[in-house]
Every structure is written in structure tokens, then in C-alpha cells.
Amino acid sequence: MLRHALHRLILAVPVMFGVLLIGFLLMQVVPTDPATVRAGPTATPDVIAAIRADLGLDKPLYVQFGLYLWRLVQGDLGASIINNVPVSQELGTTIGPTLELMFASLFWSIPLGILLGTLAGYWRGSLIDRTIMAISVAGVSVPVFFLGLVLIWFVGFQWQLLPFTGRGGPLWTLDGIQSIILPAITLGGVFIGPVARMTRTAVLDVLSADHVRTARAKGLTERLVVLRHALRNALVPVITLIGLQIGFLLGGAVVTETVFSWPGVGRLAVGAILSSDFPMAQGTIIVLSMGFIVINLTVDVLYAALDPRIRGA
């Protein structure tokens, strides 16, 4: 197990290096000059040139990238060009709301997806199965921003049932729970479909297995057969899918936070890119990429713990 975890961790190093390199190069092709942004629209060319030299933008790209990596090794993410606040400080205030949003979206979508998939697999070919699969396909097909705008228009604006702008407070407060409901439904709505479909497939495979037929022959109730013998063994591929989808939720969180003005990393990334705040944009890219890598690494280790056959892979 430890060898498998170390192997996956070593493989994550070149992936992270590639992410840093691509993110750095993407920031270079943006037509806006960071020195001009910091200097302001009325700055003289001499002032802009001095700021470029101070930021190291007058050096070759490979030198800039090397200095960038050296600062990262030292834990220095730089400072915002717009407000001169350390990037790490801004990220520290936005990571919490993003984690709250992801937890709230997974809290209801994973159990519901597994429940729907189990019902569809058990009642295969029935109206229940077809309805659940139709809902799953619709959930996968509907864009995140469209679902968010529909909820804002009806639930927030027309009916005025829930707030739809900003974060009302921590998740353990009433205002915080009310403000996170619509963003959590929006982000978790795209999660139900894949989980339900994978659960249905896994349950169908397990229900035809020998140990399930043996459990039924022993006279166990259908509830125990499905929950104890079928669903438990079907959760291995479902957990793998859940882990991978959690990584993709980071991308959905960027859209959701922008639509609902949620003060998370995703909204910070969009604002930094639009304002040409390159240090802040690079910092958010690092955080989102690290989150994706850590999630996938955790899934690999967990999958190896559940299925010993892949530990030697």
C-alpha cells in the first residue's frame, strides 16, 4: 500500500510541473502588460520600464520561469498587481468558502445519486428505471451556469425563497446554510447523473453474481440482499467515479462561484484573469491544480485499499 502511494505521488510531480509551465506560458500570451496594469493608464514609459525591471519582466522567459519556481519552492506566491496584497493571503480567505461549497454539493448529491442508481438497477427496464436514466442524462446535459440562472430567476428572484448573491456566513450558521443552498444545488446537480448511471451499472453486475443468488437462497429479505450483498460490492467503481468527478467539480465551482458571486477560489481566478492580475491568476491555478491532483491521488490510494488486485499495477 505504501509503495503504491509513493509511486502515485512521484507521478504527480511531473504533472504539477507541467501545470506550472503551461500556466506560466498562458499568462505570457495575454496581450495585457502587467507593468502597465500596475503603473496605471497615466504612467510614463520610463515608469512602466522601471516597474517591468522591478517585476523581472525584462528578463528572458526561461529566467522568469526559473525565478518563479524558486519563489514557489520558498513558499512565495508573489503579491497582487492590483492591490499589492500577498497572493497567499487572498487564497487563504477564499479556500474555505470553496471547500464549503464543494462539501455542501456532495453532501446531498452523492447519497441521492447512489439511491437513484440502486433503484434503477433493481427495477431494470421499468418506468422507474427509464425515468431515473432520463433525469441522469438531463443532469449531465444541462450546463452548470444554465441551472444556476434558472434557480436564481425562479427561487431567488420570482419566489424570493432563498438568497442568491454572496456568502451569508459560515456553514454552521442559518444565514450561511440559506446562502449556500442554491449554489450547492447548482454544483451538485451535475454530479447526480454520472453517479446514478455508474451505480446502476455496478448494481446490475453484482445482482447477477453467485453470492447474491446464494443470499437469496438462504431466505434473506430483498432489503438485506440489495444493501448488504449487492450495493456494498458495487461501490468500488462508484467510489472511483466519485473521486474523479470531485476533481471535475473544481471546474464547475469556478462557474458556480461566478454566477452566485460566491467568494471562493474560482471567482478569485476569474477576477484575476479579467483584471490581468497575473500573480493572483497563477496562484489560483496552482491551488485548483493541486486540489485536482490531491483528489486523484487519494482516489488511487483508496481504490488500491478496496481492490488489492491493482496494488501491483
C-alpha atoms as a PDB file:
ATOM      1  CA  MET A   1       0.000   0.000   0.000  1.00  0.00           C
ATOM      2  CA  LEU A   2       2.761   2.452   0.937  1.00  0.00           C
ATOM      3  CA  ARG A   3       4.690   1.589  -2.222  1.00  0.00           C
ATOM      4  CA  HIS A   4       1.608   2.211  -4.344  1.00  0.00           C
ATOM      5  CA  ALA A   5       1.008   5.589  -2.666  1.00  0.00           C
ATOM      6  CA  LEU A   6       4.633   6.663  -3.144  1.00  0.00           C
ATOM      7  CA  HIS A   7       4.517   5.617  -6.803  1.00  0.00           C
ATOM      8  CA  ARG A   8       1.408   7.731  -7.414  1.00  0.00           C
ATOM      9  CA  LEU A   9       2.957  10.647  -5.512  1.00  0.00           C
ATOM     10  CA  ILE A  10       6.093  10.535  -7.674  1.00  0.00           C
ATOM     11  CA  LEU A  11       3.968  10.522 -10.822  1.00  0.00           C
ATOM     12  CA  ALA A  12       2.173  13.644  -9.573  1.00  0.00           C
ATOM     13  CA  VAL A  13       5.417  15.675  -9.546  1.00  0.00           C
ATOM     14  CA  PRO A  14       5.880  15.947 -13.352  1.00  0.00           C
ATOM     15  CA  VAL A  15       2.149  16.588 -13.713  1.00  0.00           C
ATOM     16  CA  MET A  16       2.373  19.551 -11.368  1.00  0.00           C
ATOM     17  CA  PHE A  17       5.475  20.810 -13.153  1.00  0.00           C
ATOM     18  CA  GLY A  18       3.610  20.661 -16.460  1.00  0.00           C
ATOM     19  CA  VAL A  19       0.707  22.579 -14.943  1.00  0.00           C
ATOM     20  CA  LEU A  20       3.061  25.284 -13.678  1.00  0.00           C
ATOM     21  CA  LEU A  21       4.789  25.545 -17.057  1.00  0.00           C
ATOM     22  CA  ILE A  22       1.545  25.710 -19.062  1.00  0.00           C
ATOM     23  CA  GLY A  23       0.006  28.207 -16.638  1.00  0.00           C
ATOM     24  CA  PHE A  24       3.109  30.389 -16.823  1.00  0.00           C
ATOM     25  CA  LEU A  25       3.180  30.328 -20.626  1.00  0.00           C
ATOM     26  CA  LEU A  26      -0.533  31.091 -20.868  1.00  0.00           C
ATOM     27  CA  MET A  27      -0.027  34.197 -18.790  1.00  0.00           C
ATOM     28  CA  GLN A  28       2.697  35.328 -21.210  1.00  0.00           C
ATOM     29  CA  VAL A  29       0.468  35.240 -24.296  1.00  0.00           C
ATOM     30  CA  VAL A  30      -2.129  37.539 -22.716  1.00  0.00           C
ATOM     31  CA  PRO A  31      -1.833  40.865 -24.558  1.00  0.00           C
ATOM     32  CA  THR A  32      -2.027  42.985 -21.378  1.00  0.00           C
ATOM     33  CA  ASP A  33       1.263  44.048 -19.827  1.00  0.00           C
ATOM     34  CA  PRO A  34       1.362  43.542 -16.005  1.00  0.00           C
ATOM     35  CA  ALA A  35       3.685  46.534 -15.636  1.00  0.00           C
ATOM     36  CA  THR A  36       1.175  48.749 -17.418  1.00  0.00           C
ATOM     37  CA  VAL A  37      -1.620  47.453 -15.174  1.00  0.00           C
ATOM     38  CA  ARG A  38       0.354  48.239 -12.013  1.00  0.00           C
ATOM     39  CA  ALA A  39       1.579  51.610 -13.253  1.00  0.00           C
ATOM     40  CA  GLY A  40      -1.849  52.817 -14.317  1.00  0.00           C
ATOM     41  CA  PRO A  41      -3.126  54.372 -17.544  1.00  0.00           C
ATOM     42  CA  THR A  42      -1.388  57.738 -16.988  1.00  0.00           C
ATOM     43  CA  ALA A  43       2.110  56.365 -16.306  1.00  0.00           C
ATOM     44  CA  THR A  44       5.031  57.433 -18.470  1.00  0.00           C
ATOM     45  CA  PRO A  45       7.098  54.895 -20.440  1.00  0.00           C
ATOM     46  CA  ASP A  46      10.009  55.371 -18.025  1.00  0.00           C
ATOM     47  CA  VAL A  47       7.852  54.416 -15.051  1.00  0.00           C
ATOM     48  CA  ILE A  48       6.496  51.358 -16.893  1.00  0.00           C
ATOM     49  CA  ALA A  49      10.025  50.286 -17.817  1.00  0.00           C
ATOM     50  CA  ALA A  50      11.146  50.649 -14.192  1.00  0.00           C
ATOM     51  CA  ILE A  51       8.231  48.531 -13.000  1.00  0.00           C
ATOM     52  CA  ARG A  52       8.993  45.881 -15.645  1.00  0.00           C
ATOM     53  CA  ALA A  53      12.551  45.699 -14.370  1.00  0.00           C
ATOM     54  CA  ASP A  54      11.335  45.511 -10.759  1.00  0.00           C
ATOM     55  CA  LEU A  55       8.976  42.637 -11.638  1.00  0.00           C
ATOM     56  CA  GLY A  56      11.668  40.869 -13.652  1.00  0.00           C
ATOM     57  CA  LEU A  57       9.636  41.071 -16.854  1.00  0.00           C
ATOM     58  CA  ASP A  58      12.621  42.355 -18.834  1.00  0.00           C
ATOM     59  CA  LYS A  59      14.430  39.018 -18.450  1.00  0.00           C
ATOM     60  CA  PRO A  60      14.135  36.047 -20.860  1.00  0.00           C
ATOM     61  CA  LEU A  61      11.201  33.720 -20.336  1.00  0.00           C
ATOM     62  CA  TYR A  62      13.280  30.797 -19.096  1.00  0.00           C
ATOM     63  CA  VAL A  63      14.884  33.048 -16.475  1.00  0.00           C
ATOM     64  CA  GLN A  64      11.476  34.334 -15.379  1.00  0.00           C
ATOM     65  CA  PHE A  65      10.169  30.777 -15.093  1.00  0.00           C
ATOM     66  CA  GLY A  66      13.225  29.687 -13.110  1.00  0.00           C
ATOM     67  CA  LEU A  67      12.813  32.577 -10.691  1.00  0.00           C
ATOM     68  CA  TYR A  68       9.107  31.785 -10.450  1.00  0.00           C
ATOM     69  CA  LEU A  69       9.839  28.166  -9.489  1.00  0.00           C
ATOM     70  CA  TRP A  70      12.452  29.286  -6.961  1.00  0.00           C
ATOM     71  CA  ARG A  71       9.933  31.596  -5.287  1.00  0.00           C
ATOM     72  CA  LEU A  72       7.393  28.769  -5.185  1.00  0.00           C
ATOM     73  CA  VAL A  73       9.899  26.466  -3.502  1.00  0.00           C
ATOM     74  CA  GLN A  74      10.350  29.144  -0.839  1.00  0.00           C
ATOM     75  CA  GLY A  75       6.573  29.426  -0.421  1.00  0.00           C
ATOM     76  CA  ASP A  76       6.348  32.859  -2.048  1.00  0.00           C
ATOM     77  CA  LEU A  77       3.404  33.177  -4.431  1.00  0.00           C
ATOM     78  CA  GLY A  78       4.036  36.858  -5.027  1.00  0.00           C
ATOM     79  CA  ALA A  79       1.741  39.818  -4.493  1.00  0.00           C
ATOM     80  CA  SER A  80      -1.320  41.009  -6.354  1.00  0.00           C
ATOM     81  CA  ILE A  81      -0.642  43.585  -9.046  1.00  0.00           C
ATOM     82  CA  ILE A  82      -3.982  45.279  -8.369  1.00  0.00           C
ATOM     83  CA  ASN A  83      -3.971  45.768  -4.589  1.00  0.00           C
ATOM     84  CA  ASN A  84      -0.432  44.653  -3.637  1.00  0.00           C
ATOM     85  CA  VAL A  85      -1.823  42.073  -1.195  1.00  0.00           C
ATOM     86  CA  PRO A  86       0.108  38.783  -0.874  1.00  0.00           C
ATOM     87  CA  VAL A  87      -1.428  36.090  -3.057  1.00  0.00           C
ATOM     88  CA  SER A  88      -1.241  33.550  -0.244  1.00  0.00           C
ATOM     89  CA  GLN A  89      -3.329  35.843   1.960  1.00  0.00           C
ATOM     90  CA  GLU A  90      -6.050  36.190  -0.674  1.00  0.00           C
ATOM     91  CA  LEU A  91      -6.062  32.451  -1.313  1.00  0.00           C
ATOM     92  CA  GLY A  92      -6.310  31.771   2.410  1.00  0.00           C
ATOM     93  CA  THR A  93      -9.576  33.706   2.622  1.00  0.00           C
ATOM     94  CA  THR A  94     -11.138  32.019  -0.432  1.00  0.00           C
ATOM     95  CA  ILE A  95     -10.196  28.347   0.019  1.00  0.00           C
ATOM     96  CA  GLY A  96     -12.613  27.957   2.946  1.00  0.00           C
ATOM     97  CA  PRO A  97     -15.740  29.085   1.043  1.00  0.00           C
ATOM     98  CA  THR A  98     -14.804  26.851  -1.910  1.00  0.00           C
ATOM     99  CA  LEU A  99     -14.430  23.822   0.370  1.00  0.00           C
ATOM    100  CA  GLU A 100     -17.783  24.673   1.977  1.00  0.00           C
ATOM    101  CA  LEU A 101     -19.451  24.824  -1.422  1.00  0.00           C
ATOM    102  CA  MET A 102     -17.988  21.502  -2.547  1.00  0.00           C
ATOM    103  CA  PHE A 103     -18.908  19.793   0.739  1.00  0.00           C
ATOM    104  CA  ALA A 104     -22.470  21.097   0.583  1.00  0.00           C
ATOM    105  CA  SER A 105     -22.888  19.984  -3.026  1.00  0.00           C
ATOM    106  CA  LEU A 106     -21.520  16.495  -2.343  1.00  0.00           C
ATOM    107  CA  PHE A 107     -23.465  16.134   0.911  1.00  0.00           C
ATOM    108  CA  TRP A 108     -26.767  15.703  -0.910  1.00  0.00           C
ATOM    109  CA  SER A 109     -25.779  14.683  -4.443  1.00  0.00           C
ATOM    110  CA  ILE A 110     -23.760  11.537  -3.622  1.00  0.00           C
ATOM    111  CA  PRO A 111     -26.449   9.809  -1.489  1.00  0.00           C
ATOM    112  CA  LEU A 112     -29.163  10.804  -3.960  1.00  0.00           C
ATOM    113  CA  GLY A 113     -27.133   9.588  -6.942  1.00  0.00           C
ATOM    114  CA  ILE A 114     -26.406   6.236  -5.281  1.00  0.00           C
ATOM    115  CA  LEU A 115     -30.064   5.856  -4.263  1.00  0.00           C
ATOM    116  CA  LEU A 116     -31.347   6.603  -7.759  1.00  0.00           C
ATOM    117  CA  GLY A 117     -28.791   4.298  -9.359  1.00  0.00           C
ATOM    118  CA  THR A 118     -29.674   1.460  -6.986  1.00  0.00           C
ATOM    119  CA  LEU A 119     -33.395   1.839  -7.665  1.00  0.00           C
ATOM    120  CA  ALA A 120     -32.788   1.945 -11.422  1.00  0.00           C
ATOM    121  CA  GLY A 121     -30.595  -1.157 -11.282  1.00  0.00           C
ATOM    122  CA  TYR A 122     -33.005  -3.127  -9.129  1.00  0.00           C
ATOM    123  CA  TRP A 123     -36.050  -2.191 -11.220  1.00  0.00           C
ATOM    124  CA  ARG A 124     -34.254  -2.592 -14.529  1.00  0.00           C
ATOM    125  CA  GLY A 125     -36.416  -1.921 -17.591  1.00  0.00           C
ATOM    126  CA  SER A 126     -39.287  -0.466 -15.573  1.00  0.00           C
ATOM    127  CA  LEU A 127     -40.758   3.012 -15.692  1.00  0.00           C
ATOM    128  CA  ILE A 128     -38.694   3.911 -12.617  1.00  0.00           C
ATOM    129  CA  ASP A 129     -35.506   2.879 -14.399  1.00  0.00           C
ATOM    130  CA  ARG A 130     -36.331   4.865 -17.533  1.00  0.00           C
ATOM    131  CA  THR A 131     -37.326   7.953 -15.558  1.00  0.00           C
ATOM    132  CA  ILE A 132     -34.143   7.909 -13.482  1.00  0.00           C
ATOM    133  CA  MET A 133     -31.972   7.440 -16.557  1.00  0.00           C
ATOM    134  CA  ALA A 134     -33.777  10.309 -18.294  1.00  0.00           C
ATOM    135  CA  ILE A 135     -33.128  12.534 -15.281  1.00  0.00           C
ATOM    136  CA  SER A 136     -29.479  11.440 -15.239  1.00  0.00           C
ATOM    137  CA  VAL A 137     -28.982  12.264 -18.919  1.00  0.00           C
ATOM    138  CA  ALA A 138     -30.686  15.623 -18.439  1.00  0.00           C
ATOM    139  CA  GLY A 139     -28.493  16.388 -15.435  1.00  0.00           C
ATOM    140  CA  VAL A 140     -25.337  15.663 -17.415  1.00  0.00           C
ATOM    141  CA  SER A 141     -26.515  17.638 -20.442  1.00  0.00           C
ATOM    142  CA  VAL A 142     -27.644  20.833 -18.694  1.00  0.00           C
ATOM    143  CA  PRO A 143     -24.771  23.354 -18.297  1.00  0.00           C
ATOM    144  CA  VAL A 144     -23.910  24.454 -14.786  1.00  0.00           C
ATOM    145  CA  PHE A 145     -24.468  28.142 -15.497  1.00  0.00           C
ATOM    146  CA  PHE A 146     -27.901  27.482 -17.034  1.00  0.00           C
ATOM    147  CA  LEU A 147     -29.116  25.564 -13.991  1.00  0.00           C
ATOM    148  CA  GLY A 148     -27.768  28.311 -11.741  1.00  0.00           C
ATOM    149  CA  LEU A 149     -29.507  31.068 -13.681  1.00  0.00           C
ATOM    150  CA  VAL A 150     -32.813  29.153 -13.649  1.00  0.00           C
ATOM    151  CA  LEU A 151     -32.610  28.733  -9.865  1.00  0.00           C
ATOM    152  CA  ILE A 152     -31.723  32.398  -9.427  1.00  0.00           C
ATOM    153  CA  TRP A 153     -34.642  33.539 -11.583  1.00  0.00           C
ATOM    154  CA  PHE A 154     -37.347  31.372 -10.028  1.00  0.00           C
ATOM    155  CA  VAL A 155     -36.246  30.524  -6.478  1.00  0.00           C
ATOM    156  CA  GLY A 156     -34.317  33.693  -5.738  1.00  0.00           C
ATOM    157  CA  PHE A 157     -35.935  36.446  -7.812  1.00  0.00           C
ATOM    158  CA  GLN A 158     -39.517  35.418  -8.589  1.00  0.00           C
ATOM    159  CA  TRP A 159     -40.403  33.479  -5.449  1.00  0.00           C
ATOM    160  CA  GLN A 160     -37.790  35.139  -3.173  1.00  0.00           C
ATOM    161  CA  LEU A 161     -37.342  31.995  -1.110  1.00  0.00           C
ATOM    162  CA  LEU A 162     -33.554  31.978  -0.773  1.00  0.00           C
ATOM    163  CA  PRO A 163     -30.682  34.453  -1.174  1.00  0.00           C
ATOM    164  CA  PHE A 164     -28.679  34.085  -4.361  1.00  0.00           C
ATOM    165  CA  THR A 165     -25.806  36.554  -4.070  1.00  0.00           C
ATOM    166  CA  GLY A 166     -22.717  36.171  -1.921  1.00  0.00           C
ATOM    167  CA  ARG A 167     -21.980  34.136   1.192  1.00  0.00           C
ATOM    168  CA  GLY A 168     -24.164  34.773   4.193  1.00  0.00           C
ATOM    169  CA  GLY A 169     -21.726  33.390   6.730  1.00  0.00           C
ATOM    170  CA  PRO A 170     -20.067  30.154   7.874  1.00  0.00           C
ATOM    171  CA  LEU A 171     -21.755  26.880   7.008  1.00  0.00           C
ATOM    172  CA  TRP A 172     -22.774  26.246  10.621  1.00  0.00           C
ATOM    173  CA  THR A 173     -24.964  29.372  10.762  1.00  0.00           C
ATOM    174  CA  LEU A 174     -28.532  29.762   9.484  1.00  0.00           C
ATOM    175  CA  ASP A 175     -27.591  32.580   7.104  1.00  0.00           C
ATOM    176  CA  GLY A 176     -24.701  30.516   5.801  1.00  0.00           C
ATOM    177  CA  ILE A 177     -26.938  27.489   5.157  1.00  0.00           C
ATOM    178  CA  GLN A 178     -29.564  29.587   3.373  1.00  0.00           C
ATOM    179  CA  SER A 179     -26.999  31.299   1.135  1.00  0.00           C
ATOM    180  CA  ILE A 180     -25.294  28.063   0.127  1.00  0.00           C
ATOM    181  CA  ILE A 181     -28.418  26.090  -0.828  1.00  0.00           C
ATOM    182  CA  LEU A 182     -28.773  27.401  -4.390  1.00  0.00           C
ATOM    183  CA  PRO A 183     -25.033  27.199  -5.241  1.00  0.00           C
ATOM    184  CA  ALA A 184     -24.875  23.691  -3.746  1.00  0.00           C
ATOM    185  CA  ILE A 185     -27.898  22.541  -5.766  1.00  0.00           C
ATOM    186  CA  THR A 186     -26.364  24.028  -8.911  1.00  0.00           C
ATOM    187  CA  LEU A 187     -22.964  22.421  -8.438  1.00  0.00           C
ATOM    188  CA  GLY A 188     -24.274  19.111  -7.130  1.00  0.00           C
ATOM    189  CA  GLY A 189     -26.909  18.826  -9.852  1.00  0.00           C
ATOM    190  CA  VAL A 190     -24.284  17.888 -12.443  1.00  0.00           C
ATOM    191  CA  PHE A 191     -22.935  15.224 -10.071  1.00  0.00           C
ATOM    192  CA  ILE A 192     -26.081  13.120  -9.701  1.00  0.00           C
ATOM    193  CA  GLY A 193     -26.256  11.845 -13.281  1.00  0.00           C
ATOM    194  CA  PRO A 194     -22.804  10.193 -13.525  1.00  0.00           C
ATOM    195  CA  VAL A 195     -23.087   8.672 -10.036  1.00  0.00           C
ATOM    196  CA  ALA A 196     -26.568   7.281 -10.718  1.00  0.00           C
ATOM    197  CA  ARG A 197     -25.555   5.762 -14.046  1.00  0.00           C
ATOM    198  CA  MET A 198     -22.393   4.160 -12.655  1.00  0.00           C
ATOM    199  CA  THR A 199     -24.275   2.843  -9.614  1.00  0.00           C
ATOM    200  CA  ARG A 200     -26.945   1.333 -11.860  1.00  0.00           C
ATOM    201  CA  THR A 201     -24.351  -0.462 -13.977  1.00  0.00           C
ATOM    202  CA  ALA A 202     -22.442  -1.747 -10.957  1.00  0.00           C
ATOM    203  CA  VAL A 203     -25.611  -2.932  -9.190  1.00  0.00           C
ATOM    204  CA  LEU A 204     -26.760  -4.796 -12.317  1.00  0.00           C
ATOM    205  CA  ASP A 205     -23.434  -6.625 -12.475  1.00  0.00           C
ATOM    206  CA  VAL A 206     -23.482  -7.571  -8.801  1.00  0.00           C
ATOM    207  CA  LEU A 207     -27.145  -8.650  -8.705  1.00  0.00           C
ATOM    208  CA  SER A 208     -26.335 -11.449 -11.152  1.00  0.00           C
ATOM    209  CA  ALA A 209     -23.352 -12.666  -9.131  1.00  0.00           C
ATOM    210  CA  ASP A 210     -23.307 -16.045  -7.380  1.00  0.00           C
ATOM    211  CA  HIS A 211     -23.068 -14.681  -3.843  1.00  0.00           C
ATOM    212  CA  VAL A 212     -26.246 -12.629  -4.344  1.00  0.00           C
ATOM    213  CA  ARG A 213     -28.162 -15.684  -5.571  1.00  0.00           C
ATOM    214  CA  THR A 214     -26.829 -17.609  -2.575  1.00  0.00           C
ATOM    215  CA  ALA A 215     -28.028 -14.870  -0.209  1.00  0.00           C
ATOM    216  CA  ARG A 216     -31.495 -15.030  -1.720  1.00  0.00           C
ATOM    217  CA  ALA A 217     -31.495 -18.819  -1.483  1.00  0.00           C
ATOM    218  CA  LYS A 218     -30.807 -18.521   2.239  1.00  0.00           C
ATOM    219  CA  GLY A 219     -34.067 -16.617   2.629  1.00  0.00           C
ATOM    220  CA  LEU A 220     -32.694 -13.135   3.291  1.00  0.00           C
ATOM    221  CA  THR A 221     -35.001 -10.218   2.638  1.00  0.00           C
ATOM    222  CA  GLU A 222     -34.574  -8.223  -0.544  1.00  0.00           C
ATOM    223  CA  ARG A 223     -33.551  -5.202   1.501  1.00  0.00           C
ATOM    224  CA  LEU A 224     -30.612  -7.059   3.050  1.00  0.00           C
ATOM    225  CA  VAL A 225     -29.676  -8.645  -0.258  1.00  0.00           C
ATOM    226  CA  VAL A 226     -29.539  -5.307  -2.039  1.00  0.00           C
ATOM    227  CA  LEU A 227     -27.902  -3.252   0.715  1.00  0.00           C
ATOM    228  CA  ARG A 228     -25.525  -5.752   2.285  1.00  0.00           C
ATOM    229  CA  HIS A 229     -24.548  -8.016  -0.607  1.00  0.00           C
ATOM    230  CA  ALA A 230     -25.181  -6.052  -3.785  1.00  0.00           C
ATOM    231  CA  LEU A 231     -24.668  -2.367  -3.063  1.00  0.00           C
ATOM    232  CA  ARG A 232     -21.632  -2.829  -0.834  1.00  0.00           C
ATOM    233  CA  ASN A 233     -19.738  -4.701  -3.552  1.00  0.00           C
ATOM    234  CA  ALA A 234     -20.942  -2.307  -6.246  1.00  0.00           C
ATOM    235  CA  LEU A 235     -19.498   0.751  -4.510  1.00  0.00           C
ATOM    236  CA  VAL A 236     -15.881   0.153  -5.596  1.00  0.00           C
ATOM    237  CA  PRO A 237     -16.268   1.546  -9.147  1.00  0.00           C
ATOM    238  CA  VAL A 238     -18.722   4.134  -7.839  1.00  0.00           C
ATOM    239  CA  ILE A 239     -16.151   5.474  -5.373  1.00  0.00           C
ATOM    240  CA  THR A 240     -13.625   5.725  -8.180  1.00  0.00           C
ATOM    241  CA  LEU A 241     -16.052   7.726 -10.289  1.00  0.00           C
ATOM    242  CA  ILE A 242     -16.947   9.944  -7.329  1.00  0.00           C
ATOM    243  CA  GLY A 243     -13.294  10.776  -6.768  1.00  0.00           C
ATOM    244  CA  LEU A 244     -12.729  11.658 -10.407  1.00  0.00           C
ATOM    245  CA  GLN A 245     -15.923  13.717 -10.556  1.00  0.00           C
ATOM    246  CA  ILE A 246     -14.919  15.632  -7.427  1.00  0.00           C
ATOM    247  CA  GLY A 247     -11.861  16.774  -9.342  1.00  0.00           C
ATOM    248  CA  PHE A 248     -14.046  17.961 -12.201  1.00  0.00           C
ATOM    249  CA  LEU A 249     -16.247  19.779  -9.684  1.00  0.00           C
ATOM    250  CA  LEU A 250     -13.407  22.243  -9.227  1.00  0.00           C
ATOM    251  CA  GLY A 251     -14.064  23.415 -12.769  1.00  0.00           C
ATOM    252  CA  GLY A 252     -17.774  23.629 -12.071  1.00  0.00           C
ATOM    253  CA  ALA A 253     -17.049  25.562  -8.897  1.00  0.00           C
ATOM    254  CA  VAL A 254     -15.435  28.322 -10.974  1.00  0.00           C
ATOM    255  CA  VAL A 255     -18.670  28.809 -12.930  1.00  0.00           C
ATOM    256  CA  THR A 256     -20.929  28.417  -9.893  1.00  0.00           C
ATOM    257  CA  GLU A 257     -18.979  30.887  -7.778  1.00  0.00           C
ATOM    258  CA  THR A 258     -19.055  33.418 -10.600  1.00  0.00           C
ATOM    259  CA  VAL A 259     -22.809  33.068 -11.147  1.00  0.00           C
ATOM    260  CA  PHE A 260     -23.669  33.358  -7.449  1.00  0.00           C
ATOM    261  CA  SER A 261     -20.865  35.820  -6.522  1.00  0.00           C
ATOM    262  CA  TRP A 262     -19.548  33.217  -4.095  1.00  0.00           C
ATOM    263  CA  PRO A 263     -16.223  34.418  -2.596  1.00  0.00           C
ATOM    264  CA  GLY A 264     -14.213  31.301  -3.462  1.00  0.00           C
ATOM    265  CA  VAL A 265     -11.057  30.439  -5.367  1.00  0.00           C
ATOM    266  CA  GLY A 266     -12.943  30.063  -8.655  1.00  0.00           C
ATOM    267  CA  ARG A 267     -14.392  33.574  -8.528  1.00  0.00           C
ATOM    268  CA  LEU A 268     -10.999  34.914  -7.479  1.00  0.00           C
ATOM    269  CA  ALA A 269      -9.422  33.208 -10.514  1.00  0.00           C
ATOM    270  CA  VAL A 270     -11.946  34.728 -12.918  1.00  0.00           C
ATOM    271  CA  GLY A 271     -11.485  38.202 -11.430  1.00  0.00           C
ATOM    272  CA  ALA A 272      -7.687  37.905 -11.552  1.00  0.00           C
ATOM    273  CA  ILE A 273      -7.702  36.855 -15.219  1.00  0.00           C
ATOM    274  CA  LEU A 274     -10.138  39.593 -16.242  1.00  0.00           C
ATOM    275  CA  SER A 275      -8.090  42.240 -14.442  1.00  0.00           C
ATOM    276  CA  SER A 276      -4.745  40.852 -15.745  1.00  0.00           C
ATOM    277  CA  ASP A 277      -3.548  40.212 -12.202  1.00  0.00           C
ATOM    278  CA  PHE A 278      -1.011  37.581 -13.258  1.00  0.00           C
ATOM    279  CA  PRO A 279       0.428  36.608  -9.836  1.00  0.00           C
ATOM    280  CA  MET A 280      -3.077  36.113  -8.452  1.00  0.00           C
ATOM    281  CA  ALA A 281      -4.175  34.146 -11.524  1.00  0.00           C
ATOM    282  CA  GLN A 282      -1.124  31.882 -11.293  1.00  0.00           C
ATOM    283  CA  GLY A 283      -1.765  31.335  -7.592  1.00  0.00           C
ATOM    284  CA  THR A 284      -5.353  30.261  -8.198  1.00  0.00           C
ATOM    285  CA  ILE A 285      -4.228  27.929 -10.994  1.00  0.00           C
ATOM    286  CA  ILE A 286      -1.777  26.306  -8.588  1.00  0.00           C
ATOM    287  CA  VAL A 287      -4.428  25.832  -5.904  1.00  0.00           C
ATOM    288  CA  LEU A 288      -7.022  24.382  -8.294  1.00  0.00           C
ATOM    289  CA  SER A 289      -4.456  22.102  -9.917  1.00  0.00           C
ATOM    290  CA  MET A 290      -3.148  20.902  -6.572  1.00  0.00           C
ATOM    291  CA  GLY A 291      -6.698  20.171  -5.478  1.00  0.00           C
ATOM    292  CA  PHE A 292      -7.309  18.094  -8.588  1.00  0.00           C
ATOM    293  CA  ILE A 293      -4.027  16.180  -8.161  1.00  0.00           C
ATOM    294  CA  VAL A 294      -4.601  15.517  -4.454  1.00  0.00           C
ATOM    295  CA  ILE A 295      -8.125  14.261  -5.109  1.00  0.00           C
ATOM    296  CA  ASN A 296      -6.960  11.886  -7.830  1.00  0.00           C
ATOM    297  CA  LEU A 297      -4.070  10.693  -5.661  1.00  0.00           C
ATOM    298  CA  THR A 298      -6.481   9.994  -2.803  1.00  0.00           C
ATOM    299  CA  VAL A 299      -8.763   8.058  -5.154  1.00  0.00           C
ATOM    300  CA  ASP A 300      -5.855   5.946  -6.393  1.00  0.00           C
ATOM    301  CA  VAL A 301      -4.820   5.053  -2.850  1.00  0.00           C
ATOM    302  CA  LEU A 302      -8.400   4.385  -1.748  1.00  0.00           C
ATOM    303  CA  TYR A 303      -9.041   2.228  -4.795  1.00  0.00           C
ATOM    304  CA  ALA A 304      -5.926   0.199  -4.012  1.00  0.00           C
ATOM    305  CA  ALA A 305      -7.186  -0.275  -0.455  1.00  0.00           C
ATOM    306  CA  LEU A 306     -10.571  -1.509  -1.688  1.00  0.00           C
ATOM    307  CA  ASP A 307      -9.221  -3.638  -4.544  1.00  0.00           C
ATOM    308  CA  PRO A 308      -5.884  -5.354  -3.724  1.00  0.00           C
ATOM    309  CA  ARG A 309      -5.569  -6.594  -7.314  1.00  0.00           C
ATOM    310  CA  ILE A 310      -4.344  -3.200  -8.565  1.00  0.00           C
ATOM    311  CA  ARG A 311      -1.708  -2.589  -5.873  1.00  0.00           C
ATOM    312  CA  GLY A 312       0.976  -4.072  -8.045  1.00  0.00           C
ATOM    313  CA  ALA A 313      -0.061  -2.084 -11.116  1.00  0.00           C
END
